[in-house]
Protein backbone atom coordinates (compact mmCIF):
# COMPACT_ATOMS: atom_id res chain seq x y z
CA MET A 1 -0.02 -0.01 0.02
CA THR A 2 1.64 3.26 -1.17
CA LEU A 3 1.01 6.14 1.18
CA ARG A 4 0.85 9.65 -0.30
CA LEU A 5 0.63 12.55 2.10
CA ARG A 6 0.46 16.32 1.85
CA ILE A 7 -0.93 18.16 4.87
CA GLY A 8 -0.79 21.46 6.71
CA HIS A 9 -2.11 22.19 10.15
CA ARG A 10 -1.85 25.23 12.42
CA PHE A 11 -1.58 25.19 16.21
CA PRO A 12 -1.25 28.32 18.28
CA GLY A 13 2.27 29.58 17.59
CA PHE A 14 3.19 26.53 15.51
CA GLN A 15 2.43 25.09 12.06
CA VAL A 16 3.11 21.60 10.70
CA THR A 17 3.60 21.15 6.93
CA ALA A 18 4.56 17.69 5.59
CA SER A 19 4.64 16.09 2.15
CA PHE A 20 6.06 12.64 1.29
CA GLU A 21 5.36 9.30 -0.40
CA ALA A 22 6.02 6.08 1.53
CA PRO A 23 6.63 2.87 -0.47
CA PRO A 24 4.21 -0.15 -0.38
CA SER A 25 6.56 -2.36 1.72
CA GLY A 26 9.17 -1.98 4.45
CA ILE A 27 9.46 0.76 7.04
CA THR A 28 9.35 4.44 6.48
CA GLY A 29 11.13 6.26 9.37
CA LEU A 30 9.72 9.62 10.49
CA PHE A 31 12.68 11.18 12.22
CA GLY A 32 13.22 14.42 14.00
CA PRO A 33 13.62 16.09 17.45
CA SER A 34 10.75 16.21 19.94
CA GLY A 35 8.24 18.87 18.89
CA SER A 36 9.11 18.66 15.19
CA GLY A 37 5.57 17.53 14.14
CA LYS A 38 6.08 13.77 13.84
CA THR A 39 3.11 12.71 15.95
CA THR A 40 0.87 15.29 14.26
CA VAL A 41 1.59 13.69 10.96
CA ILE A 42 0.77 10.10 12.00
CA ASN A 43 -2.28 11.20 13.96
CA ALA A 44 -3.50 12.78 10.70
CA ILE A 45 -2.84 9.51 8.82
CA ALA A 46 -4.76 7.53 11.44
CA GLY A 47 -7.68 9.94 11.43
CA LEU A 48 -7.17 11.12 14.97
CA LEU A 49 -6.44 14.65 13.83
CA ARG A 50 -8.12 16.53 10.99
CA PRO A 51 -5.52 18.77 9.35
CA ASP A 52 -6.49 22.18 8.07
CA GLU A 53 -5.50 21.39 4.55
CA GLY A 54 -4.15 18.70 2.29
CA ALA A 55 -4.80 15.10 1.24
CA ILE A 56 -3.86 11.60 2.31
CA GLU A 57 -4.14 8.58 0.02
CA LEU A 58 -3.43 4.87 0.57
CA ASP A 59 -3.08 3.33 -2.85
CA ASP A 60 -6.27 4.25 -4.66
CA ARG A 61 -8.20 4.98 -1.42
CA VAL A 62 -8.58 8.62 -0.55
CA LEU A 63 -8.54 8.85 3.27
CA LEU A 64 -8.61 12.66 3.41
CA ASP A 65 -9.10 15.48 0.97
CA ARG A 66 -9.92 18.77 2.50
CA ALA A 67 -10.62 20.36 -0.96
CA THR A 68 -13.43 17.96 -1.67
CA GLY A 69 -14.57 17.29 1.91
CA ILE A 70 -13.51 13.58 2.04
CA ASP A 71 -12.59 12.48 5.59
CA VAL A 72 -12.79 8.74 6.21
CA PRO A 73 -13.42 8.01 9.95
CA ALA A 74 -10.49 6.43 11.83
CA ARG A 75 -12.37 3.21 12.42
CA ARG A 76 -12.80 2.63 8.65
CA ARG A 77 -9.26 3.51 7.52
CA ARG A 78 -7.82 0.01 8.30
CA ILE A 79 -4.76 1.48 9.93
CA GLY A 80 -3.09 -0.04 12.97
CA TYR A 81 -1.54 2.25 15.62
CA VAL A 82 1.07 1.25 18.23
CA PHE A 83 1.43 3.97 20.87
CA GLN A 84 4.40 4.81 22.93
CA ASP A 85 2.83 3.53 26.12
CA ALA A 86 1.26 0.34 24.76
CA ARG A 87 -2.26 1.24 25.99
CA LEU A 88 -3.39 -2.31 26.67
CA PHE A 89 -6.71 -2.81 28.43
CA PRO A 90 -5.76 -3.57 32.00
CA HIS A 91 -8.89 -5.64 32.78
CA LEU A 92 -8.35 -7.98 29.82
CA SER A 93 -5.88 -10.89 29.46
CA VAL A 94 -3.18 -10.75 26.81
CA HIS A 95 -5.26 -13.08 24.67
CA SER A 96 -8.34 -10.80 24.92
CA ASN A 97 -6.25 -7.76 24.18
CA LEU A 98 -4.94 -9.46 21.06
CA LEU A 99 -8.42 -10.38 19.84
CA TYR A 100 -9.83 -6.89 20.50
CA GLY A 101 -8.68 -5.54 17.13
CA TRP A 102 -9.33 -8.87 15.41
CA ARG A 103 -13.01 -8.82 16.30
CA ARG A 104 -13.42 -5.33 14.93
CA SER A 105 -11.64 -5.93 11.62
CA PRO A 106 -13.85 -5.98 8.55
CA VAL A 107 -11.63 -8.81 7.13
CA ARG A 108 -10.74 -11.13 9.97
CA LEU A 109 -7.50 -13.08 9.89
CA PRO A 110 -7.85 -16.94 9.96
CA GLN A 111 -6.77 -18.81 13.09
CA HIS A 112 -3.45 -20.00 11.65
CA GLU A 113 -2.46 -16.37 10.96
CA ILE A 114 -3.45 -15.44 14.51
CA ASP A 115 -1.18 -18.22 15.73
CA GLY A 116 1.55 -17.05 13.42
CA VAL A 117 1.56 -13.51 14.82
CA ILE A 118 1.63 -14.92 18.36
CA GLU A 119 4.58 -17.13 17.49
CA MET A 120 6.43 -14.37 15.63
CA LEU A 121 6.26 -12.12 18.60
CA GLY A 122 7.08 -14.84 21.13
CA ILE A 123 4.09 -14.21 23.35
CA ALA A 124 2.35 -17.59 23.48
CA HIS A 125 3.39 -18.11 27.09
CA LEU A 126 1.84 -14.78 28.08
CA LEU A 127 -1.70 -15.28 26.80
CA GLU A 128 -3.43 -15.74 30.14
CA ARG A 129 -1.56 -12.88 31.96
CA LYS A 130 -3.02 -9.44 32.66
CA PRO A 131 -1.02 -6.38 31.51
CA HIS A 132 0.21 -5.61 35.06
CA ARG A 133 2.14 -8.85 35.07
CA LEU A 134 4.08 -7.92 31.87
CA SER A 135 7.45 -6.28 31.49
CA GLY A 136 7.68 -3.12 29.36
CA GLY A 137 9.11 -5.18 26.44
CA GLU A 138 6.35 -7.79 26.71
CA LYS A 139 3.71 -4.98 26.76
CA GLY A 140 5.25 -3.61 23.61
CA ARG A 141 5.10 -6.97 21.80
CA VAL A 142 1.49 -7.48 22.85
CA SER A 143 0.67 -4.03 21.54
CA LEU A 144 2.29 -4.90 18.24
CA GLY A 145 0.26 -8.16 18.06
CA ARG A 146 -3.04 -6.37 18.81
CA ALA A 147 -2.36 -3.91 15.96
CA LEU A 148 -1.38 -6.68 13.53
CA LEU A 149 -4.44 -8.80 14.27
CA SER A 150 -6.69 -5.90 13.20
CA ASN A 151 -5.38 -6.79 9.73
CA PRO A 152 -4.35 -3.25 8.76
CA ASP A 153 -3.29 -1.98 5.44
CA LEU A 154 -0.77 0.27 7.15
CA LEU A 155 0.87 0.10 10.60
CA LEU A 156 1.83 3.29 12.55
CA LEU A 157 4.33 3.11 15.41
CA ASP A 158 4.71 6.24 17.46
CA GLU A 159 8.03 5.96 19.39
CA PRO A 160 7.22 2.41 20.58
CA LEU A 161 10.59 2.12 22.43
CA ALA A 162 10.82 5.58 23.97
CA ALA A 163 9.39 4.58 27.28
CA LEU A 164 11.70 1.54 27.64
CA ASP A 165 15.09 1.26 29.25
CA THR A 166 18.08 0.08 27.22
CA ALA A 167 17.70 -3.59 28.07
CA ARG A 168 13.98 -3.61 27.07
CA ARG A 169 14.74 -1.71 23.81
CA HIS A 170 17.30 -4.31 22.81
CA GLU A 171 14.77 -7.02 23.77
CA ILE A 172 12.06 -5.67 21.40
CA LEU A 173 14.19 -4.46 18.47
CA PRO A 174 14.74 -7.95 16.98
CA TYR A 175 11.01 -8.53 16.98
CA LEU A 176 10.51 -5.30 15.07
CA GLU A 177 13.02 -6.50 12.52
CA ARG A 178 11.25 -9.85 12.26
CA LEU A 179 7.95 -8.07 11.90
CA LYS A 180 9.34 -6.05 9.07
CA ALA A 181 10.68 -9.23 7.34
CA GLU A 182 7.60 -11.39 7.83
CA ALA A 183 4.42 -9.36 8.37
CA ARG A 184 4.21 -7.83 4.85
CA VAL A 185 2.56 -4.73 6.27
CA PRO A 186 4.05 -1.33 5.34
CA MET A 187 4.95 0.72 8.41
CA VAL A 188 5.55 4.30 9.35
CA TYR A 189 7.96 4.38 12.36
CA VAL A 190 8.25 7.57 14.40
CA SER A 191 11.43 8.09 16.40
CA HIS A 192 13.99 10.71 17.51
CA SER A 193 16.58 7.92 17.86
CA ILE A 194 18.93 7.70 14.88
CA GLU A 195 20.03 4.28 16.07
CA GLU A 196 16.54 2.87 15.78
CA ILE A 197 15.90 4.60 12.41
CA THR A 198 19.09 3.33 10.80
CA ARG A 199 18.56 -0.11 12.03
CA LEU A 200 14.94 -0.48 10.96
CA ALA A 201 13.99 1.97 8.22
CA ASP A 202 14.25 1.58 4.46
CA MET A 203 13.07 5.09 3.72
CA LEU A 204 13.64 8.19 5.86
CA VAL A 205 11.55 11.38 6.23
CA VAL A 206 13.37 14.09 8.25
CA MET A 207 11.11 16.48 10.22
CA ASN A 208 12.36 19.78 11.71
CA GLY A 209 10.56 22.81 12.98
CA GLY A 210 7.19 21.47 11.86
CA ARG A 211 8.29 20.69 8.30
CA SER A 212 9.21 17.60 6.32
CA VAL A 213 12.72 18.73 5.25
CA VAL A 214 13.72 15.84 3.01
CA SER A 215 12.80 12.24 2.25
CA GLY A 216 14.55 9.30 0.48
CA PRO A 217 16.31 6.04 0.99
CA VAL A 218 17.88 5.84 4.47
CA ALA A 219 21.44 5.19 3.13
CA GLU A 220 21.22 8.12 0.85
CA ILE A 221 19.87 10.52 3.55
CA MET A 222 22.37 9.37 6.20
CA SER A 223 25.36 10.03 3.92
CA ARG A 224 24.32 13.60 3.03
CA LEU A 225 26.73 16.01 4.68
CA ASP A 226 24.29 18.95 4.50
CA LEU A 227 21.83 16.97 6.76
CA PHE A 228 24.24 16.19 9.50
CA PRO A 229 22.98 19.09 11.74
CA LEU A 230 19.55 17.38 11.56
CA THR A 231 20.54 13.68 11.61
CA GLY A 232 22.93 14.23 14.54
CA ARG A 233 26.63 14.81 13.92
CA PHE A 234 27.89 12.67 16.75
CA GLU A 235 26.03 9.56 15.63
CA ALA A 236 25.82 10.35 11.91
CA GLY A 237 27.49 8.09 9.44
CA ALA A 238 26.70 5.58 6.66
CA VAL A 239 24.27 2.75 6.41
CA VAL A 240 25.32 -0.12 4.18
CA ASP A 241 23.23 -3.20 3.17
CA CYS A 242 25.37 -6.33 3.06
CA ARG A 243 25.10 -10.10 2.71
CA VAL A 244 27.06 -12.81 4.51
CA GLU A 245 29.68 -14.15 2.13
CA ALA A 246 31.46 -16.79 4.30
CA HIS A 247 32.76 -17.61 7.73
CA ASP A 248 36.40 -18.12 8.74
CA ALA A 249 36.16 -20.71 11.47
CA ARG A 250 39.90 -20.66 12.22
CA HIS A 251 39.97 -16.96 13.02
CA GLY A 252 36.37 -16.58 14.14
CA MET A 253 35.55 -14.00 11.45
CA THR A 254 32.69 -13.39 9.00
CA SER A 255 33.10 -11.72 5.60
CA LEU A 256 30.23 -9.50 4.38
CA LEU A 257 29.79 -8.45 0.75
CA PHE A 258 28.43 -5.00 -0.19
CA GLU A 259 28.41 -3.03 -3.43
CA GLY A 260 32.05 -2.04 -3.91
CA GLY A 261 33.77 -4.40 -1.49
CA ARG A 262 33.65 -6.48 1.66
CA PHE A 263 33.89 -6.12 5.40
CA LEU A 264 35.48 -8.52 7.85
CA VAL A 265 33.81 -8.67 11.26
CA PRO A 266 33.86 -11.02 14.35
CA ARG A 267 31.90 -14.10 13.43
CA LEU A 268 28.15 -13.65 13.22
CA ALA A 269 25.39 -16.20 13.79
CA ALA A 270 23.99 -15.94 10.23
CA GLU A 271 24.17 -18.21 7.24
CA PRO A 272 25.89 -17.30 3.97
CA GLY A 273 23.48 -15.19 1.87
CA HIS A 274 21.71 -13.71 4.96
CA ALA A 275 20.90 -9.98 4.55
CA LEU A 276 22.54 -7.65 7.07
CA ARG A 277 22.85 -3.96 7.60
CA ALA A 278 26.07 -2.35 8.71
CA ARG A 279 26.09 1.08 10.36
CA ILE A 280 29.41 2.91 10.27
CA ARG A 281 29.72 6.16 12.25
CA ALA A 282 31.69 8.99 10.71
CA ARG A 283 33.92 9.13 13.80
CA ASP A 284 34.89 5.52 13.29
CA VAL A 285 36.42 6.11 9.77
CA ILE A 286 40.08 7.18 9.33
CA VAL A 287 41.27 8.58 5.98
CA ALA A 288 44.77 7.88 4.50
CA THR A 289 46.28 9.14 1.28
CA GLU A 290 48.51 6.05 0.94
CA GLU A 291 47.63 2.42 1.44
CA PRO A 292 48.40 1.74 5.11
CA ARG A 293 50.70 -1.17 6.07
CA GLY A 294 51.39 -2.84 9.44
CA LEU A 295 47.88 -1.97 10.66
CA SER A 296 45.63 -4.09 12.93
CA ALA A 297 42.40 -2.89 11.35
CA ASN A 298 41.05 -5.40 8.86
CA ASN A 299 38.83 -3.11 6.89
CA VAL A 300 40.79 -0.89 4.55
CA LEU A 301 38.83 0.29 1.49
CA PRO A 302 39.99 2.30 -1.51
CA ALA A 303 37.77 5.35 -2.00
CA ILE A 304 37.36 8.70 -3.77
CA VAL A 305 36.59 11.91 -1.93
CA ARG A 306 33.17 13.00 -3.16
CA GLU A 307 32.39 16.02 -1.01
CA ILE A 308 33.90 17.93 1.93
CA ARG A 309 32.01 19.98 4.47
CA ARG A 310 33.81 22.22 6.98
CA ASP A 311 32.15 23.02 10.21
CA GLN A 312 32.60 26.01 12.52
CA ASP A 313 34.31 23.83 15.07
CA PRO A 314 37.62 22.02 14.49
CA PHE A 315 36.06 19.17 12.47
CA ALA A 316 35.20 18.45 8.86
CA GLU A 317 33.01 15.75 7.27
CA ILE A 318 34.13 13.92 4.12
CA ALA A 319 31.78 11.95 1.91
CA LEU A 320 33.59 9.01 0.39
CA ASP A 321 32.66 6.80 -2.63
CA CYS A 322 33.76 3.22 -2.10
CA GLY A 323 32.95 1.56 -5.43
CA GLY A 324 29.40 2.88 -5.45
CA THR A 325 28.85 2.67 -1.67
CA SER A 326 28.89 5.88 0.38
CA LEU A 327 30.93 6.18 3.65
CA VAL A 328 31.37 9.28 5.74
CA ALA A 329 34.49 10.23 7.74
CA ARG A 330 34.88 12.98 10.37
CA ILE A 331 38.46 14.35 10.69
CA THR A 332 39.90 17.63 12.01
CA GLN A 333 40.29 20.51 9.64
CA LEU A 334 43.97 20.45 10.47
CA SER A 335 44.18 16.87 9.06
CA LEU A 336 42.07 17.90 6.08
CA ASP A 337 44.54 20.68 5.11
CA ARG A 338 47.63 18.65 6.00
CA LEU A 339 46.56 15.85 3.70
CA GLY A 340 45.50 18.27 0.95
CA LEU A 341 42.14 16.50 0.44
CA ALA A 342 39.76 17.75 -2.25
CA PRO A 343 36.82 16.30 -4.20
CA GLY A 344 38.33 13.68 -6.51
CA THR A 345 41.25 12.76 -4.33
CA SER A 346 41.95 8.97 -4.15
CA VAL A 347 42.28 7.80 -0.53
CA TYR A 348 41.86 4.77 1.70
CA ALA A 349 39.05 4.57 4.27
CA ILE A 350 40.04 2.65 7.37
CA VAL A 351 36.98 1.48 9.23
CA LYS A 352 37.79 1.13 12.93
CA ALA A 353 34.42 -0.23 14.05
CA LEU A 354 30.99 -1.03 12.66
CA ASN A 355 27.66 -2.10 14.08
CA VAL A 356 26.25 -5.10 12.20
CA GLU A 357 22.60 -5.75 12.61
CA THR A 358 20.84 -8.92 11.49
CA ARG A 359 17.54 -8.36 9.72
CA GLY A 360 14.46 -10.42 10.74
CA SER A 361 16.17 -12.99 12.85
CA LEU A 362 16.27 -13.82 16.61
CA PRO A 363 17.98 -13.48 19.06
CA ALA A 364 19.15 -9.91 19.18
CA PRO A 365 22.10 -9.12 16.91
CA ARG A 366 25.58 -8.72 18.41
CA ARG A 367 28.02 -5.82 17.99
CA ALA A 368 31.09 -6.26 15.86
CA GLY A 369 33.61 -3.58 16.48
CA GLY A 370 36.78 -2.38 18.09
CA GLU A 371 40.23 -2.20 16.56
CA SER A 372 39.87 -5.94 15.56
CA ALA A 373 37.46 -4.95 12.85
């Protein structure tokens, strides 16, 4: 289901203006700081807020068109919504909470699909419990199940991990990845965490000051130097889709293929051919003008300087082209001038560390990093 949105809404002293198109599969990340208008946008999609102007379409269904007066009620939009605080019914068991949306769906899922959702989310052993006996991560998984069993055409997730501590977030993230891989329901995922967005999203919409500033594939947006002030300079960097090539049992390593080269990382519990995503922060990339020798780092990639952005502070960001794959490095302006770097310069990118995240598999992925990478 392709989502097309163009809305404007005025609050006292603040205005939200957003326009983007979300693809019919995968996760579209709606990213931005608190107060940037993200929740306003998804509330408009869900029908919980009626914007002052604009239109919202889901494939060939017009959900809202202020110009013609169309405004489909929320209950008829077939959109699932997972709130930040789960919002389970406290007097109902987990099983009854799960079936609440199913009973109200105009197209009910068959029993085997209900069982499949319960198995996918790992909540079969929780069915008879009441919400007060669940952990935060368990509540989040039940909330996801309830939304899925309403058989939605689109699933909205409003910062579903924001209320959880670090341990609970890491508990539920693999289930979100598995949901993305297996549920076949397009999702709009709201977050102000760049770690969550780069791990989960395929497409990224950046919100700032009430406006949708830019949208596009997550790897493309994350490697744009002009967007670093919005995407977060400290955590900014590149997102690279990879596949497992092979394992080196003797040295306990795994080789990952990507467009333009390969990475070597500590061994991963994934079979050859498995899809992975590597996230490489700009501060974890060193640039050399000559091929380094006698170095402990295993990932040294030939690259071309594509773009340079100088900041007001002592640092500069460099966009690198590694055989068609974008990396980003952050170095000091002193190093930039000393090395004489300019667009078109041939260099070597030394990757000190990378986060490798499995996609759609359990248990939670491990970190591969440090100087051994």
